[in-house]
Amino acid sequence: MQLKVVIIEDEHHNYRMLRGMVEQFRPDWEIIGPFESVNKSVTWFKENPEPDLIFMDIQLVDGISFSIFEQVKIDSMVIFTTAYDEYALQAFNVNSIDYILKPVKEIKLQEAIMKFEKFHDNKQQNTIVPDYKEMLNAIVRGEKKYRKRFLIAGATSYSKIDTKDIALFYTENRITYAVTFDGKEHTLDLTMEKLDEQLDPEVFFRASRSYIIHNDAIQKIESYFGGKLYIKMTSPIKHEITISRLKATEFKNWLGK
């Protein structure tokens, strides 16, 4: 399948490397670029049809690339590339397709491309439009943004779940699940480590390697042998969660804020 891809990148060696890997993985894709600046990118988007996918560096020679979206309407899917973790996390939090930290690694690029194709192939998807203006304002203010929602893949469509409606996250057999307060489970394409980075620590606690819990989902806390704590979750959630002795003090401090 031939798709049109734009690369926005101000460092030529990074562009050559990224283009070479994309051409290797998807030789039938048409690649356009590079565009090194916000101004050049805006000019191109005003004069040409939108591509299927954009690889976009966040820091360009004349500013943050998010400002492109303030000047021209773009509905294309975006994979951000960046050397800055804080920018990457903000990009991810507003539901871009993915982000790739520099230097770009082949396995991460392949994962991002497959994720894009999963979205692109589902013609019935209910795509959430990223709030790029919010991202830009957050960077200017120096604020850290936390994930507000998740896009859940179904058999023929996508649905949205707000983070505030999720009681807990857990992993089993290398699959990550989100459990809503009504007890429904949804599969997520994220590791627990990424979730731990993206969730508001005032609201969610990493109870163990397998669980992250929402403070409103805790019904009762009981002392357990060996200095551990047993957490009873609100109905209808049936998961039994134990806090280790080493994390017990941290957990109680978190809950008592």
C-alpha atoms as a PDB file:
ATOM      1  CA  MET A   1       0.000   0.000   0.000  1.00  0.00           C
ATOM      2  CA  GLN A   2       1.522   3.326  -1.108  1.00  0.00           C
ATOM      3  CA  LEU A   3       1.187   6.058   1.476  1.00  0.00           C
ATOM      4  CA  LYS A   4       2.500   9.603   1.538  1.00  0.00           C
ATOM      5  CA  VAL A   5       4.810  10.435   4.445  1.00  0.00           C
ATOM      6  CA  VAL A   6       6.295  13.812   5.424  1.00  0.00           C
ATOM      7  CA  ILE A   7       9.433  14.140   7.555  1.00  0.00           C
ATOM      8  CA  ILE A   8       9.934  17.368   9.531  1.00  0.00           C
ATOM      9  CA  GLU A   9      13.492  17.349  10.882  1.00  0.00           C
ATOM     10  CA  ASP A  10      16.147  20.078  11.165  1.00  0.00           C
ATOM     11  CA  GLU A  11      19.215  17.845  11.492  1.00  0.00           C
ATOM     12  CA  HIS A  12      20.152  16.357   8.139  1.00  0.00           C
ATOM     13  CA  HIS A  13      21.955  13.280   9.470  1.00  0.00           C
ATOM     14  CA  ASN A  14      18.872  12.407  11.567  1.00  0.00           C
ATOM     15  CA  TYR A  15      16.701  12.864   8.475  1.00  0.00           C
ATOM     16  CA  ARG A  16      18.917  10.572   6.370  1.00  0.00           C
ATOM     17  CA  MET A  17      18.919   7.895   9.040  1.00  0.00           C
ATOM     18  CA  LEU A  18      15.147   8.051   9.589  1.00  0.00           C
ATOM     19  CA  ARG A  19      14.395   8.102   5.870  1.00  0.00           C
ATOM     20  CA  GLY A  20      16.700   5.156   5.262  1.00  0.00           C
ATOM     21  CA  MET A  21      14.980   3.041   7.921  1.00  0.00           C
ATOM     22  CA  VAL A  22      11.482   3.946   6.702  1.00  0.00           C
ATOM     23  CA  GLU A  23      12.460   3.075   3.118  1.00  0.00           C
ATOM     24  CA  GLN A  24      13.834  -0.239   4.365  1.00  0.00           C
ATOM     25  CA  PHE A  25      10.689  -1.146   6.316  1.00  0.00           C
ATOM     26  CA  ARG A  26       8.124   0.295   3.855  1.00  0.00           C
ATOM     27  CA  PRO A  27       9.788   0.646   0.412  1.00  0.00           C
ATOM     28  CA  ASP A  28       6.483   1.500  -1.302  1.00  0.00           C
ATOM     29  CA  TRP A  29       5.846   4.621   0.804  1.00  0.00           C
ATOM     30  CA  GLU A  30       6.412   8.042  -0.796  1.00  0.00           C
ATOM     31  CA  ILE A  31       8.613  10.163   1.474  1.00  0.00           C
ATOM     32  CA  ILE A  32       8.563  13.978   1.294  1.00  0.00           C
ATOM     33  CA  GLY A  33      11.027  16.261   3.038  1.00  0.00           C
ATOM     34  CA  PRO A  34      12.892  17.193   4.988  1.00  0.00           C
ATOM     35  CA  PHE A  35      11.332  20.421   6.261  1.00  0.00           C
ATOM     36  CA  GLU A  36      13.737  22.005   8.724  1.00  0.00           C
ATOM     37  CA  SER A  37      11.565  24.759  10.183  1.00  0.00           C
ATOM     38  CA  VAL A  38       8.098  25.706  11.343  1.00  0.00           C
ATOM     39  CA  ASN A  39       7.801  28.287   8.536  1.00  0.00           C
ATOM     40  CA  LYS A  40       8.763  25.880   5.734  1.00  0.00           C
ATOM     41  CA  SER A  41       6.411  23.226   7.124  1.00  0.00           C
ATOM     42  CA  VAL A  42       3.485  25.632   7.330  1.00  0.00           C
ATOM     43  CA  THR A  43       4.094  26.807   3.758  1.00  0.00           C
ATOM     44  CA  TRP A  44       4.126  23.238   2.438  1.00  0.00           C
ATOM     45  CA  PHE A  45       0.942  22.235   4.287  1.00  0.00           C
ATOM     46  CA  LYS A  46      -0.893  25.311   2.963  1.00  0.00           C
ATOM     47  CA  GLU A  47       0.027  24.438  -0.617  1.00  0.00           C
ATOM     48  CA  ASN A  48      -0.294  20.629  -0.670  1.00  0.00           C
ATOM     49  CA  PRO A  49      -2.776  17.884   0.240  1.00  0.00           C
ATOM     50  CA  GLU A  50      -2.225  16.366   3.670  1.00  0.00           C
ATOM     51  CA  PRO A  51      -0.030  13.253   3.886  1.00  0.00           C
ATOM     52  CA  ASP A  52      -1.073  10.016   5.557  1.00  0.00           C
ATOM     53  CA  LEU A  53       1.626  10.263   8.214  1.00  0.00           C
ATOM     54  CA  ILE A  54       4.036  12.867   9.595  1.00  0.00           C
ATOM     55  CA  PHE A  55       7.320  12.174  11.359  1.00  0.00           C
ATOM     56  CA  MET A  56       7.885  15.378  13.293  1.00  0.00           C
ATOM     57  CA  ASP A  57      10.846  16.539  15.323  1.00  0.00           C
ATOM     58  CA  ILE A  58       9.635  18.612  18.269  1.00  0.00           C
ATOM     59  CA  GLN A  59      12.477  21.140  18.448  1.00  0.00           C
ATOM     60  CA  LEU A  60      13.088  22.854  15.097  1.00  0.00           C
ATOM     61  CA  VAL A  61      15.470  25.660  14.105  1.00  0.00           C
ATOM     62  CA  ASP A  62      12.805  28.368  14.502  1.00  0.00           C
ATOM     63  CA  GLY A  63      10.767  27.008  17.412  1.00  0.00           C
ATOM     64  CA  ILE A  64       8.651  24.156  18.780  1.00  0.00           C
ATOM     65  CA  SER A  65       6.937  22.199  16.004  1.00  0.00           C
ATOM     66  CA  PHE A  66       3.599  22.197  17.846  1.00  0.00           C
ATOM     67  CA  SER A  67       3.192  25.813  16.712  1.00  0.00           C
ATOM     68  CA  ILE A  68       2.686  24.489  13.166  1.00  0.00           C
ATOM     69  CA  PHE A  69      -0.771  23.361  14.233  1.00  0.00           C
ATOM     70  CA  GLU A  70      -1.668  26.874  15.346  1.00  0.00           C
ATOM     71  CA  GLN A  71      -1.090  28.168  11.823  1.00  0.00           C
ATOM     72  CA  VAL A  72      -2.575  25.423   9.658  1.00  0.00           C
ATOM     73  CA  LYS A  73      -5.194  22.719  10.213  1.00  0.00           C
ATOM     74  CA  ILE A  74      -3.673  19.241  10.029  1.00  0.00           C
ATOM     75  CA  ASP A  75      -5.584  16.002  10.545  1.00  0.00           C
ATOM     76  CA  SER A  76      -2.738  13.660   9.573  1.00  0.00           C
ATOM     77  CA  MET A  77      -1.461  11.139  12.089  1.00  0.00           C
ATOM     78  CA  VAL A  78       1.802  12.146  13.751  1.00  0.00           C
ATOM     79  CA  ILE A  79       4.792  10.248  15.133  1.00  0.00           C
ATOM     80  CA  PHE A  80       6.975  12.636  17.122  1.00  0.00           C
ATOM     81  CA  THR A  81      10.753  12.291  17.239  1.00  0.00           C
ATOM     82  CA  THR A  82      12.654  14.013  20.018  1.00  0.00           C
ATOM     83  CA  ALA A  83      15.737  13.983  22.189  1.00  0.00           C
ATOM     84  CA  TYR A  84      13.759  15.449  25.074  1.00  0.00           C
ATOM     85  CA  ASP A  85      11.795  13.116  27.323  1.00  0.00           C
ATOM     86  CA  GLU A  86       9.537  15.832  28.722  1.00  0.00           C
ATOM     87  CA  TYR A  87       8.383  16.857  25.258  1.00  0.00           C
ATOM     88  CA  ALA A  88       7.874  13.230  24.288  1.00  0.00           C
ATOM     89  CA  LEU A  89       5.644  12.545  27.249  1.00  0.00           C
ATOM     90  CA  GLN A  90       3.526  15.605  26.553  1.00  0.00           C
ATOM     91  CA  ALA A  91       3.150  14.526  22.946  1.00  0.00           C
ATOM     92  CA  PHE A  92       2.038  11.061  24.000  1.00  0.00           C
ATOM     93  CA  ASN A  93      -0.417  12.377  26.578  1.00  0.00           C
ATOM     94  CA  VAL A  94      -2.567  14.034  23.953  1.00  0.00           C
ATOM     95  CA  ASN A  95      -2.868  10.905  21.844  1.00  0.00           C
ATOM     96  CA  SER A  96      -0.399  11.280  19.037  1.00  0.00           C
ATOM     97  CA  ILE A  97       0.245   7.929  17.411  1.00  0.00           C
ATOM     98  CA  ASP A  98       3.589   7.525  19.171  1.00  0.00           C
ATOM     99  CA  TYR A  99       6.891   9.163  19.958  1.00  0.00           C
ATOM    100  CA  ILE A 100      10.445   8.006  19.284  1.00  0.00           C
ATOM    101  CA  LEU A 101      13.417   9.108  21.329  1.00  0.00           C
ATOM    102  CA  LYS A 102      16.609   9.976  19.446  1.00  0.00           C
ATOM    103  CA  PRO A 103      18.751   8.330  18.343  1.00  0.00           C
ATOM    104  CA  VAL A 104      16.000   6.404  16.564  1.00  0.00           C
ATOM    105  CA  LYS A 105      16.232   2.645  17.050  1.00  0.00           C
ATOM    106  CA  GLU A 106      14.965   0.251  14.403  1.00  0.00           C
ATOM    107  CA  ILE A 107      12.758  -1.777  16.737  1.00  0.00           C
ATOM    108  CA  LYS A 108      11.055   1.350  18.116  1.00  0.00           C
ATOM    109  CA  LEU A 109      10.470   2.699  14.617  1.00  0.00           C
ATOM    110  CA  GLN A 110       8.966  -0.614  13.516  1.00  0.00           C
ATOM    111  CA  GLU A 111       6.644  -0.595  16.525  1.00  0.00           C
ATOM    112  CA  ALA A 112       5.538   2.976  15.792  1.00  0.00           C
ATOM    113  CA  ILE A 113       4.886   2.186  12.112  1.00  0.00           C
ATOM    114  CA  MET A 114       2.828  -0.886  12.977  1.00  0.00           C
ATOM    115  CA  LYS A 115       0.858   1.142  15.496  1.00  0.00           C
ATOM    116  CA  PHE A 116       0.155   3.762  12.825  1.00  0.00           C
ATOM    117  CA  GLU A 117      -0.961   1.090  10.353  1.00  0.00           C
ATOM    118  CA  LYS A 118      -3.317  -0.356  12.950  1.00  0.00           C
ATOM    119  CA  PHE A 119      -5.001   3.042  13.277  1.00  0.00           C
ATOM    120  CA  HIS A 120      -4.910   3.792   9.548  1.00  0.00           C
ATOM    121  CA  ASP A 121      -6.385   0.467   8.472  1.00  0.00           C
ATOM    122  CA  ASN A 122      -9.390   0.844  10.765  1.00  0.00           C
ATOM    123  CA  LYS A 123     -11.556   3.122   8.663  1.00  0.00           C
ATOM    124  CA  GLN A 124     -14.298   3.251  11.307  1.00  0.00           C
ATOM    125  CA  GLN A 125     -12.040   4.613  14.029  1.00  0.00           C
ATOM    126  CA  ASN A 126     -13.224   7.515  16.185  1.00  0.00           C
ATOM    127  CA  THR A 127      -9.982   9.457  16.169  1.00  0.00           C
ATOM    128  CA  ILE A 128      -9.348  11.863  19.023  1.00  0.00           C
ATOM    129  CA  VAL A 129      -7.884  15.099  17.694  1.00  0.00           C
ATOM    130  CA  PRO A 130      -4.759  16.021  19.666  1.00  0.00           C
ATOM    131  CA  ASP A 131      -4.826  19.397  21.409  1.00  0.00           C
ATOM    132  CA  TYR A 132      -1.528  20.731  20.071  1.00  0.00           C
ATOM    133  CA  LYS A 133      -2.218  24.227  21.371  1.00  0.00           C
ATOM    134  CA  GLU A 134      -2.479  22.805  24.866  1.00  0.00           C
ATOM    135  CA  MET A 135       0.828  21.011  24.356  1.00  0.00           C
ATOM    136  CA  LEU A 136       2.554  24.191  23.183  1.00  0.00           C
ATOM    137  CA  ASN A 137       1.180  26.224  26.087  1.00  0.00           C
ATOM    138  CA  ALA A 138       2.287  23.569  28.556  1.00  0.00           C
ATOM    139  CA  ILE A 139       5.843  23.633  27.212  1.00  0.00           C
ATOM    140  CA  VAL A 140       5.955  27.427  27.378  1.00  0.00           C
ATOM    141  CA  ARG A 141       4.682  27.359  30.965  1.00  0.00           C
ATOM    142  CA  GLY A 142       7.021  24.519  31.864  1.00  0.00           C
ATOM    143  CA  GLU A 143       4.173  22.363  33.148  1.00  0.00           C
ATOM    144  CA  LYS A 144       4.179  18.597  33.115  1.00  0.00           C
ATOM    145  CA  LYS A 145       1.054  17.172  31.502  1.00  0.00           C
ATOM    146  CA  TYR A 146      -0.444  13.841  32.471  1.00  0.00           C
ATOM    147  CA  ARG A 147      -2.515  11.514  30.349  1.00  0.00           C
ATOM    148  CA  LYS A 148      -6.213  12.387  30.293  1.00  0.00           C
ATOM    149  CA  ARG A 149      -7.642   9.613  28.134  1.00  0.00           C
ATOM    150  CA  PHE A 150      -6.926   6.372  26.314  1.00  0.00           C
ATOM    151  CA  LEU A 151      -7.922   5.135  22.881  1.00  0.00           C
ATOM    152  CA  ILE A 152      -9.164   1.546  23.100  1.00  0.00           C
ATOM    153  CA  ALA A 153      -9.052  -0.669  20.015  1.00  0.00           C
ATOM    154  CA  GLY A 154     -12.142  -2.755  19.293  1.00  0.00           C
ATOM    155  CA  ALA A 155     -12.844  -5.263  16.553  1.00  0.00           C
ATOM    156  CA  THR A 156     -14.029  -2.647  14.029  1.00  0.00           C
ATOM    157  CA  SER A 157     -13.678   0.707  15.805  1.00  0.00           C
ATOM    158  CA  TYR A 158     -11.982   2.659  18.582  1.00  0.00           C
ATOM    159  CA  SER A 159     -13.489   4.005  21.773  1.00  0.00           C
ATOM    160  CA  LYS A 160     -12.324   6.599  24.288  1.00  0.00           C
ATOM    161  CA  ILE A 161     -11.910   6.076  28.021  1.00  0.00           C
ATOM    162  CA  ASP A 162     -11.116   8.979  30.321  1.00  0.00           C
ATOM    163  CA  THR A 163      -8.307   8.342  32.788  1.00  0.00           C
ATOM    164  CA  LYS A 164     -10.503   9.459  35.692  1.00  0.00           C
ATOM    165  CA  ASP A 165     -12.844   6.519  34.979  1.00  0.00           C
ATOM    166  CA  ILE A 166     -10.113   3.886  35.360  1.00  0.00           C
ATOM    167  CA  ALA A 167      -9.865   2.211  38.769  1.00  0.00           C
ATOM    168  CA  LEU A 168      -6.686   0.254  38.150  1.00  0.00           C
ATOM    169  CA  PHE A 169      -4.198  -0.995  35.599  1.00  0.00           C
ATOM    170  CA  TYR A 170      -2.622  -4.418  35.745  1.00  0.00           C
ATOM    171  CA  THR A 171      -0.427  -6.659  33.635  1.00  0.00           C
ATOM    172  CA  GLU A 172      -0.711 -10.381  33.087  1.00  0.00           C
ATOM    173  CA  ASN A 173       1.218 -12.538  30.605  1.00  0.00           C
ATOM    174  CA  ARG A 174       2.840  -9.358  29.225  1.00  0.00           C
ATOM    175  CA  ILE A 175      -0.555  -7.824  28.388  1.00  0.00           C
ATOM    176  CA  THR A 176      -1.657  -4.584  30.045  1.00  0.00           C
ATOM    177  CA  TYR A 177      -5.274  -4.047  31.072  1.00  0.00           C
ATOM    178  CA  ALA A 178      -7.273  -1.040  32.251  1.00  0.00           C
ATOM    179  CA  VAL A 179     -10.167  -1.796  34.604  1.00  0.00           C
ATOM    180  CA  THR A 180     -12.877   0.858  34.858  1.00  0.00           C
ATOM    181  CA  PHE A 181     -14.847   1.543  38.038  1.00  0.00           C
ATOM    182  CA  ASP A 182     -17.739  -0.543  36.677  1.00  0.00           C
ATOM    183  CA  GLY A 183     -15.436  -3.563  36.462  1.00  0.00           C
ATOM    184  CA  LYS A 184     -14.998  -3.673  32.675  1.00  0.00           C
ATOM    185  CA  GLU A 185     -11.548  -4.602  31.348  1.00  0.00           C
ATOM    186  CA  HIS A 186      -9.838  -3.125  28.290  1.00  0.00           C
ATOM    187  CA  THR A 187      -6.533  -4.057  26.657  1.00  0.00           C
ATOM    188  CA  LEU A 188      -3.929  -1.303  26.311  1.00  0.00           C
ATOM    189  CA  ASP A 189      -0.946  -1.078  23.991  1.00  0.00           C
ATOM    190  CA  LEU A 190       1.307   0.275  26.761  1.00  0.00           C
ATOM    191  CA  THR A 191       3.710  -1.144  29.295  1.00  0.00           C
ATOM    192  CA  MET A 192       3.270  -0.548  33.005  1.00  0.00           C
ATOM    193  CA  GLU A 193       6.498   1.462  32.954  1.00  0.00           C
ATOM    194  CA  LYS A 194       5.116   3.893  30.384  1.00  0.00           C
ATOM    195  CA  LEU A 195       1.840   4.163  32.270  1.00  0.00           C
ATOM    196  CA  ASP A 196       3.707   4.939  35.466  1.00  0.00           C
ATOM    197  CA  GLU A 197       5.407   7.860  33.686  1.00  0.00           C
ATOM    198  CA  GLN A 198       2.219   9.216  32.134  1.00  0.00           C
ATOM    199  CA  LEU A 199      -0.262   9.027  35.025  1.00  0.00           C
ATOM    200  CA  ASP A 200      -0.736  11.751  37.638  1.00  0.00           C
ATOM    201  CA  PRO A 201       1.083  10.533  40.794  1.00  0.00           C
ATOM    202  CA  GLU A 202      -1.395  12.460  42.939  1.00  0.00           C
ATOM    203  CA  VAL A 203      -4.148  10.139  41.690  1.00  0.00           C
ATOM    204  CA  PHE A 204      -2.435   6.838  40.792  1.00  0.00           C
ATOM    205  CA  PHE A 205      -0.001   4.713  42.797  1.00  0.00           C
ATOM    206  CA  ARG A 206       2.307   1.979  41.498  1.00  0.00           C
ATOM    207  CA  ALA A 207       1.350  -0.656  44.030  1.00  0.00           C
ATOM    208  CA  SER A 208       3.607  -3.339  42.556  1.00  0.00           C
ATOM    209  CA  ARG A 209       5.194  -4.398  39.286  1.00  0.00           C
ATOM    210  CA  SER A 210       1.781  -5.688  38.211  1.00  0.00           C
ATOM    211  CA  TYR A 211      -0.626  -3.022  39.533  1.00  0.00           C
ATOM    212  CA  ILE A 212      -1.273   0.724  39.385  1.00  0.00           C
ATOM    213  CA  ILE A 213      -4.310   1.823  41.409  1.00  0.00           C
ATOM    214  CA  HIS A 214      -6.559   4.899  41.532  1.00  0.00           C
ATOM    215  CA  ASN A 215      -7.004   6.414  44.994  1.00  0.00           C
ATOM    216  CA  ASP A 216     -10.808   6.433  44.645  1.00  0.00           C
ATOM    217  CA  ALA A 217     -10.798   2.677  43.957  1.00  0.00           C
ATOM    218  CA  ILE A 218      -9.486   1.834  47.431  1.00  0.00           C
ATOM    219  CA  GLN A 219     -12.231   0.709  49.796  1.00  0.00           C
ATOM    220  CA  LYS A 220     -10.282  -0.690  52.722  1.00  0.00           C
ATOM    221  CA  ILE A 221      -6.679  -1.165  53.885  1.00  0.00           C
ATOM    222  CA  GLU A 222      -5.728  -4.020  56.217  1.00  0.00           C
ATOM    223  CA  SER A 223      -2.439  -4.911  57.880  1.00  0.00           C
ATOM    224  CA  TYR A 224      -0.887  -8.054  56.469  1.00  0.00           C
ATOM    225  CA  PHE A 225       1.871 -10.318  57.744  1.00  0.00           C
ATOM    226  CA  GLY A 226       5.471  -9.212  57.371  1.00  0.00           C
ATOM    227  CA  GLY A 227       4.606  -5.530  57.453  1.00  0.00           C
ATOM    228  CA  LYS A 228       2.650  -5.709  54.201  1.00  0.00           C
ATOM    229  CA  LEU A 229      -0.701  -4.065  53.486  1.00  0.00           C
ATOM    230  CA  TYR A 230      -3.751  -5.707  51.934  1.00  0.00           C
ATOM    231  CA  ILE A 231      -5.886  -3.470  49.697  1.00  0.00           C
ATOM    232  CA  LYS A 232      -9.571  -4.224  49.208  1.00  0.00           C
ATOM    233  CA  MET A 233     -10.875  -2.502  46.078  1.00  0.00           C
ATOM    234  CA  THR A 234     -14.326  -0.998  45.587  1.00  0.00           C
ATOM    235  CA  SER A 235     -17.062  -3.216  44.141  1.00  0.00           C
ATOM    236  CA  PRO A 236     -17.333  -4.717  41.558  1.00  0.00           C
ATOM    237  CA  ILE A 237     -13.514  -4.901  41.221  1.00  0.00           C
ATOM    238  CA  LYS A 238     -12.346  -8.296  42.454  1.00  0.00           C
ATOM    239  CA  HIS A 239      -8.567  -7.873  42.276  1.00  0.00           C
ATOM    240  CA  GLU A 240      -6.681  -8.517  45.508  1.00  0.00           C
ATOM    241  CA  ILE A 241      -3.649  -6.250  45.839  1.00  0.00           C
ATOM    242  CA  THR A 242      -0.835  -6.425  48.361  1.00  0.00           C
ATOM    243  CA  ILE A 243       1.583  -3.588  49.118  1.00  0.00           C
ATOM    244  CA  SER A 244       5.066  -4.791  50.069  1.00  0.00           C
ATOM    245  CA  ARG A 245       6.686  -3.824  53.357  1.00  0.00           C
ATOM    246  CA  LEU A 246       9.180  -1.660  51.479  1.00  0.00           C
ATOM    247  CA  LYS A 247       6.418   0.323  49.751  1.00  0.00           C
ATOM    248  CA  ALA A 248       3.993   0.445  52.690  1.00  0.00           C
ATOM    249  CA  THR A 249       5.250   3.730  54.137  1.00  0.00           C
ATOM    250  CA  GLU A 250       5.332   5.376  50.705  1.00  0.00           C
ATOM    251  CA  PHE A 251       1.784   4.169  50.053  1.00  0.00           C
ATOM    252  CA  LYS A 252       0.439   5.505  53.350  1.00  0.00           C
ATOM    253  CA  ASN A 253       2.129   8.854  52.763  1.00  0.00           C
ATOM    254  CA  TRP A 254       0.624   9.016  49.281  1.00  0.00           C
ATOM    255  CA  LEU A 255      -2.857   8.128  50.481  1.00  0.00           C
ATOM    256  CA  GLY A 256      -2.683  10.667  53.317  1.00  0.00           C
ATOM    257  CA  LYS A 257      -1.848  13.663  51.108  1.00  0.00           C
END
